[in-house]
Amino acid sequence: MRLSLGTLVRTEGVPAQPVEQIKAMLDDTITSVRRISRDLLPSTLEKFGLSNAVKELCGQHALVSGIKIQFSEKGSPTEKTQSDQLMIFRVVQELINNAMKHAQPTSIDVVLDWEKNFELIVTDDGTGFVVEHARQSSKGLGLFNLENRARLLNGQLSFNPNQPKGTIAKLEVVAQS
């Protein structure tokens, strides 16, 4: 489409100014589509697996936000389907985003624990929240999405206070036999 617009200017005598504006809009659209495509299945997740993708996510968020976001891992990664990896990645993403958006933390710790059943633990030192209030809020779509992903993973999602302040979110996925 972009090349065709250039051809129109040269062969049909179409004024260049509107065509250049259309090309700029088209370039913006191309950039947006590439970003959306990459966000649907992050290339690091696809190529290098969940651990590397979560580590990269933590680094990117720390860089952008200035919040200390620490990633660690226990045990050796076990085999997970790409669909399960993507759902777990989205849970991590949502938990970090929620903490940054609502809790004003100074630090967030993300742990992938592969040692028995798979556990994802995201701990922040922010303001904390009451789960029931979040569920009843009209803005509780993020919590609904988190709980729905946990169910799809055959997992359990829990939220507990972090002492002296903040929240500990834990997703536990029982290995299926």
C-alpha atoms as a PDB file:
ATOM      1  CA  MET A   1       0.000   0.000   0.000  1.00  0.00           C
ATOM      2  CA  ARG A   2       2.803   2.350   0.910  1.00  0.00           C
ATOM      3  CA  LEU A   3       4.616   1.700  -2.376  1.00  0.00           C
ATOM      4  CA  SER A   4       1.390   2.121  -4.322  1.00  0.00           C
ATOM      5  CA  LEU A   5       0.916   5.570  -2.823  1.00  0.00           C
ATOM      6  CA  GLY A   6       4.351   6.607  -4.082  1.00  0.00           C
ATOM      7  CA  THR A   7       3.489   5.306  -7.530  1.00  0.00           C
ATOM      8  CA  LEU A   8       0.276   7.364  -7.547  1.00  0.00           C
ATOM      9  CA  VAL A   9       2.237  10.550  -6.975  1.00  0.00           C
ATOM     10  CA  ARG A  10       4.676   9.799  -9.782  1.00  0.00           C
ATOM     11  CA  THR A  11       2.298   8.399 -12.420  1.00  0.00           C
ATOM     12  CA  GLU A  12      -1.051  10.007 -11.746  1.00  0.00           C
ATOM     13  CA  GLY A  13       0.062  13.450 -10.644  1.00  0.00           C
ATOM     14  CA  VAL A  14      -1.651  13.164  -7.260  1.00  0.00           C
ATOM     15  CA  PRO A  15      -0.483  15.995  -4.951  1.00  0.00           C
ATOM     16  CA  ALA A  16       2.376  14.798  -2.726  1.00  0.00           C
ATOM     17  CA  GLN A  17       1.221  16.525   0.499  1.00  0.00           C
ATOM     18  CA  PRO A  18      -1.876  14.350   1.212  1.00  0.00           C
ATOM     19  CA  VAL A  19       0.001  11.222   0.120  1.00  0.00           C
ATOM     20  CA  GLU A  20       2.806  11.967   2.599  1.00  0.00           C
ATOM     21  CA  GLN A  21       0.201  12.326   5.372  1.00  0.00           C
ATOM     22  CA  ILE A  22      -1.341   8.992   4.384  1.00  0.00           C
ATOM     23  CA  LYS A  23       2.123   7.379   4.360  1.00  0.00           C
ATOM     24  CA  ALA A  24       2.770   8.705   7.886  1.00  0.00           C
ATOM     25  CA  MET A  25      -0.559   7.291   9.109  1.00  0.00           C
ATOM     26  CA  LEU A  26       0.220   3.992   7.412  1.00  0.00           C
ATOM     27  CA  ASP A  27       3.661   3.892   9.078  1.00  0.00           C
ATOM     28  CA  ASP A  28       1.994   4.458  12.476  1.00  0.00           C
ATOM     29  CA  THR A  29      -0.456   1.646  11.734  1.00  0.00           C
ATOM     30  CA  ILE A  30       2.365  -0.714  10.747  1.00  0.00           C
ATOM     31  CA  THR A  31       4.219   0.102  13.973  1.00  0.00           C
ATOM     32  CA  SER A  32       1.070  -0.520  16.030  1.00  0.00           C
ATOM     33  CA  VAL A  33       0.330  -3.836  14.340  1.00  0.00           C
ATOM     34  CA  ARG A  34       3.906  -5.008  14.933  1.00  0.00           C
ATOM     35  CA  ARG A  35       3.671  -4.025  18.620  1.00  0.00           C
ATOM     36  CA  ILE A  36       0.317  -5.773  19.056  1.00  0.00           C
ATOM     37  CA  SER A  37       1.634  -8.865  17.302  1.00  0.00           C
ATOM     38  CA  ARG A  38       4.717  -8.933  19.517  1.00  0.00           C
ATOM     39  CA  ASP A  39       2.562  -8.443  22.634  1.00  0.00           C
ATOM     40  CA  LEU A  40       0.261 -11.334  21.711  1.00  0.00           C
ATOM     41  CA  LEU A  41       3.165 -13.754  21.974  1.00  0.00           C
ATOM     42  CA  PRO A  42       6.371 -12.090  23.100  1.00  0.00           C
ATOM     43  CA  SER A  43       9.270 -13.328  20.990  1.00  0.00           C
ATOM     44  CA  THR A  44      11.424 -14.040  24.065  1.00  0.00           C
ATOM     45  CA  LEU A  45       8.707 -16.331  25.403  1.00  0.00           C
ATOM     46  CA  GLU A  46       8.401 -18.115  22.085  1.00  0.00           C
ATOM     47  CA  LYS A  47      12.148 -18.518  21.525  1.00  0.00           C
ATOM     48  CA  PHE A  48      13.630 -18.823  25.012  1.00  0.00           C
ATOM     49  CA  GLY A  49      10.803 -19.867  27.352  1.00  0.00           C
ATOM     50  CA  LEU A  50       8.949 -18.555  30.364  1.00  0.00           C
ATOM     51  CA  SER A  51      11.892 -17.888  32.679  1.00  0.00           C
ATOM     52  CA  ASN A  52      13.721 -15.694  30.203  1.00  0.00           C
ATOM     53  CA  ALA A  53      10.547 -13.873  29.189  1.00  0.00           C
ATOM     54  CA  VAL A  54       9.638 -13.090  32.822  1.00  0.00           C
ATOM     55  CA  LYS A  55      13.201 -11.983  33.561  1.00  0.00           C
ATOM     56  CA  GLU A  56      13.104  -9.671  30.531  1.00  0.00           C
ATOM     57  CA  LEU A  57       9.668  -8.333  31.555  1.00  0.00           C
ATOM     58  CA  CYS A  58      10.943  -7.522  35.056  1.00  0.00           C
ATOM     59  CA  GLY A  59      13.965  -5.733  33.626  1.00  0.00           C
ATOM     60  CA  GLN A  60      11.883  -3.687  31.202  1.00  0.00           C
ATOM     61  CA  HIS A  61       9.392  -2.633  33.889  1.00  0.00           C
ATOM     62  CA  ALA A  62      12.193  -1.743  36.313  1.00  0.00           C
ATOM     63  CA  LEU A  63      13.905   0.373  33.675  1.00  0.00           C
ATOM     64  CA  VAL A  64      10.748   2.247  32.731  1.00  0.00           C
ATOM     65  CA  SER A  65       9.288   2.688  36.237  1.00  0.00           C
ATOM     66  CA  GLY A  66      12.387   3.161  38.377  1.00  0.00           C
ATOM     67  CA  ILE A  67      10.961   0.578  40.793  1.00  0.00           C
ATOM     68  CA  LYS A  68      13.342  -2.157  41.913  1.00  0.00           C
ATOM     69  CA  ILE A  69      11.956  -5.357  40.377  1.00  0.00           C
ATOM     70  CA  GLN A  70      13.881  -8.471  41.329  1.00  0.00           C
ATOM     71  CA  PHE A  71      13.506 -11.775  39.472  1.00  0.00           C
ATOM     72  CA  SER A  72      14.592 -15.131  40.895  1.00  0.00           C
ATOM     73  CA  GLU A  73      13.999 -18.764  40.200  1.00  0.00           C
ATOM     74  CA  LYS A  74      14.042 -21.935  42.285  1.00  0.00           C
ATOM     75  CA  GLY A  75      14.599 -25.344  40.769  1.00  0.00           C
ATOM     76  CA  SER A  76      14.787 -26.279  37.119  1.00  0.00           C
ATOM     77  CA  PRO A  77      12.018 -25.337  34.699  1.00  0.00           C
ATOM     78  CA  THR A  78       9.608 -28.127  33.881  1.00  0.00           C
ATOM     79  CA  GLU A  79       7.849 -28.577  30.566  1.00  0.00           C
ATOM     80  CA  LYS A  80       4.818 -26.333  30.083  1.00  0.00           C
ATOM     81  CA  THR A  81       2.737 -25.921  26.960  1.00  0.00           C
ATOM     82  CA  GLN A  82       3.166 -22.652  25.095  1.00  0.00           C
ATOM     83  CA  SER A  83      -0.419 -21.785  26.015  1.00  0.00           C
ATOM     84  CA  ASP A  84       0.284 -22.331  29.738  1.00  0.00           C
ATOM     85  CA  GLN A  85       3.505 -20.343  29.511  1.00  0.00           C
ATOM     86  CA  LEU A  86       1.656 -17.452  27.892  1.00  0.00           C
ATOM     87  CA  MET A  87      -1.059 -17.505  30.574  1.00  0.00           C
ATOM     88  CA  ILE A  88       1.547 -17.531  33.359  1.00  0.00           C
ATOM     89  CA  PHE A  89       3.413 -14.706  31.625  1.00  0.00           C
ATOM     90  CA  ARG A  90       0.176 -12.687  31.449  1.00  0.00           C
ATOM     91  CA  VAL A  91      -0.450 -13.311  35.166  1.00  0.00           C
ATOM     92  CA  VAL A  92       3.044 -11.978  35.986  1.00  0.00           C
ATOM     93  CA  GLN A  93       2.447  -9.002  33.724  1.00  0.00           C
ATOM     94  CA  GLU A  94      -0.914  -8.193  35.326  1.00  0.00           C
ATOM     95  CA  LEU A  95       0.401  -8.561  38.881  1.00  0.00           C
ATOM     96  CA  ILE A  96       3.357  -6.258  38.211  1.00  0.00           C
ATOM     97  CA  ASN A  97       1.164  -3.727  36.406  1.00  0.00           C
ATOM     98  CA  ASN A  98      -1.424  -3.769  39.203  1.00  0.00           C
ATOM     99  CA  ALA A  99       1.225  -3.257  41.879  1.00  0.00           C
ATOM    100  CA  MET A 100       2.807  -0.386  39.950  1.00  0.00           C
ATOM    101  CA  LYS A 101      -0.544   1.223  39.148  1.00  0.00           C
ATOM    102  CA  HIS A 102      -2.336   0.866  42.487  1.00  0.00           C
ATOM    103  CA  ALA A 103       0.127   0.127  45.300  1.00  0.00           C
ATOM    104  CA  GLN A 104       3.001   2.613  44.863  1.00  0.00           C
ATOM    105  CA  PRO A 105       5.679   0.039  45.772  1.00  0.00           C
ATOM    106  CA  THR A 106       9.396   0.737  46.026  1.00  0.00           C
ATOM    107  CA  SER A 107      10.200  -2.884  45.204  1.00  0.00           C
ATOM    108  CA  ILE A 108       8.605  -5.956  43.645  1.00  0.00           C
ATOM    109  CA  ASP A 109       9.981  -9.499  43.821  1.00  0.00           C
ATOM    110  CA  VAL A 110       8.993 -12.101  41.235  1.00  0.00           C
ATOM    111  CA  VAL A 111       9.823 -15.765  41.913  1.00  0.00           C
ATOM    112  CA  LEU A 112       9.246 -18.752  39.659  1.00  0.00           C
ATOM    113  CA  ASP A 113       9.465 -21.841  41.873  1.00  0.00           C
ATOM    114  CA  TRP A 114       9.691 -25.066  39.901  1.00  0.00           C
ATOM    115  CA  GLU A 115      10.579 -27.253  42.885  1.00  0.00           C
ATOM    116  CA  LYS A 116       7.393 -29.206  43.629  1.00  0.00           C
ATOM    117  CA  ASN A 117       4.323 -27.875  42.033  1.00  0.00           C
ATOM    118  CA  PHE A 118       4.914 -24.774  39.960  1.00  0.00           C
ATOM    119  CA  GLU A 119       4.511 -21.571  41.962  1.00  0.00           C
ATOM    120  CA  LEU A 120       4.636 -17.976  40.884  1.00  0.00           C
ATOM    121  CA  ILE A 121       5.089 -15.570  43.785  1.00  0.00           C
ATOM    122  CA  VAL A 122       4.919 -11.810  43.291  1.00  0.00           C
ATOM    123  CA  THR A 123       5.609  -9.748  46.406  1.00  0.00           C
ATOM    124  CA  ASP A 124       5.456  -5.979  46.676  1.00  0.00           C
ATOM    125  CA  ASP A 125       5.985  -3.503  49.501  1.00  0.00           C
ATOM    126  CA  GLY A 126       3.175  -1.189  48.415  1.00  0.00           C
ATOM    127  CA  THR A 127      -0.073  -0.169  50.044  1.00  0.00           C
ATOM    128  CA  GLY A 128      -1.779  -3.561  49.787  1.00  0.00           C
ATOM    129  CA  PHE A 129      -5.426  -4.136  49.005  1.00  0.00           C
ATOM    130  CA  VAL A 130      -8.516  -6.001  50.143  1.00  0.00           C
ATOM    131  CA  VAL A 131      -9.413  -8.709  47.620  1.00  0.00           C
ATOM    132  CA  GLU A 132     -13.162  -8.540  48.261  1.00  0.00           C
ATOM    133  CA  HIS A 133     -13.225  -4.777  47.679  1.00  0.00           C
ATOM    134  CA  ALA A 134     -11.376  -5.251  44.397  1.00  0.00           C
ATOM    135  CA  ARG A 135     -13.811  -8.001  43.337  1.00  0.00           C
ATOM    136  CA  GLN A 136     -16.826  -5.804  44.037  1.00  0.00           C
ATOM    137  CA  SER A 137     -15.346  -2.799  42.292  1.00  0.00           C
ATOM    138  CA  SER A 138     -16.453  -2.085  38.746  1.00  0.00           C
ATOM    139  CA  LYS A 139     -12.734  -1.813  37.977  1.00  0.00           C
ATOM    140  CA  GLY A 140     -12.065  -5.381  39.154  1.00  0.00           C
ATOM    141  CA  LEU A 141     -11.634  -6.758  35.630  1.00  0.00           C
ATOM    142  CA  GLY A 142      -7.908  -7.315  36.177  1.00  0.00           C
ATOM    143  CA  LEU A 143      -8.592  -9.480  39.220  1.00  0.00           C
ATOM    144  CA  PHE A 144     -11.260 -11.378  37.282  1.00  0.00           C
ATOM    145  CA  ASN A 145      -8.766 -12.013  34.457  1.00  0.00           C
ATOM    146  CA  LEU A 146      -6.131 -13.216  36.938  1.00  0.00           C
ATOM    147  CA  GLU A 147      -8.536 -15.627  38.619  1.00  0.00           C
ATOM    148  CA  ASN A 148      -9.811 -16.880  35.273  1.00  0.00           C
ATOM    149  CA  ARG A 149      -6.275 -17.599  34.056  1.00  0.00           C
ATOM    150  CA  ALA A 150      -5.541 -19.444  37.301  1.00  0.00           C
ATOM    151  CA  ARG A 151      -8.607 -21.647  36.721  1.00  0.00           C
ATOM    152  CA  LEU A 152      -7.578 -22.337  33.119  1.00  0.00           C
ATOM    153  CA  LEU A 153      -4.162 -23.426  34.409  1.00  0.00           C
ATOM    154  CA  ASN A 154      -5.833 -25.719  36.952  1.00  0.00           C
ATOM    155  CA  GLY A 155      -4.234 -23.503  39.577  1.00  0.00           C
ATOM    156  CA  GLN A 156      -4.987 -21.615  42.743  1.00  0.00           C
ATOM    157  CA  LEU A 157      -4.433 -17.869  43.099  1.00  0.00           C
ATOM    158  CA  SER A 158      -4.161 -16.296  46.538  1.00  0.00           C
ATOM    159  CA  PHE A 159      -3.421 -12.856  47.930  1.00  0.00           C
ATOM    160  CA  ASN A 160      -2.026 -12.269  51.401  1.00  0.00           C
ATOM    161  CA  PRO A 161      -0.670  -9.246  53.244  1.00  0.00           C
ATOM    162  CA  ASN A 162       3.094  -8.791  53.117  1.00  0.00           C
ATOM    163  CA  GLN A 163       4.423  -7.689  56.490  1.00  0.00           C
ATOM    164  CA  PRO A 164       4.929  -4.873  57.302  1.00  0.00           C
ATOM    165  CA  LYS A 165       3.155  -3.672  54.135  1.00  0.00           C
ATOM    166  CA  GLY A 166       2.246  -4.742  50.646  1.00  0.00           C
ATOM    167  CA  THR A 167       0.872  -7.890  49.060  1.00  0.00           C
ATOM    168  CA  ILE A 168       2.019 -11.423  48.352  1.00  0.00           C
ATOM    169  CA  ALA A 169       0.285 -12.897  45.310  1.00  0.00           C
ATOM    170  CA  LYS A 170       0.805 -16.609  44.764  1.00  0.00           C
ATOM    171  CA  LEU A 171      -0.258 -18.763  41.832  1.00  0.00           C
ATOM    172  CA  GLU A 172       0.153 -22.459  42.487  1.00  0.00           C
ATOM    173  CA  VAL A 173      -0.296 -24.888  39.598  1.00  0.00           C
ATOM    174  CA  VAL A 174      -0.537 -28.548  40.522  1.00  0.00           C
ATOM    175  CA  ALA A 175       1.289 -30.809  38.113  1.00  0.00           C
ATOM    176  CA  GLN A 176      -1.162 -32.847  36.067  1.00  0.00           C
ATOM    177  CA  SER A 177      -0.479 -36.538  35.760  1.00  0.00           C
END
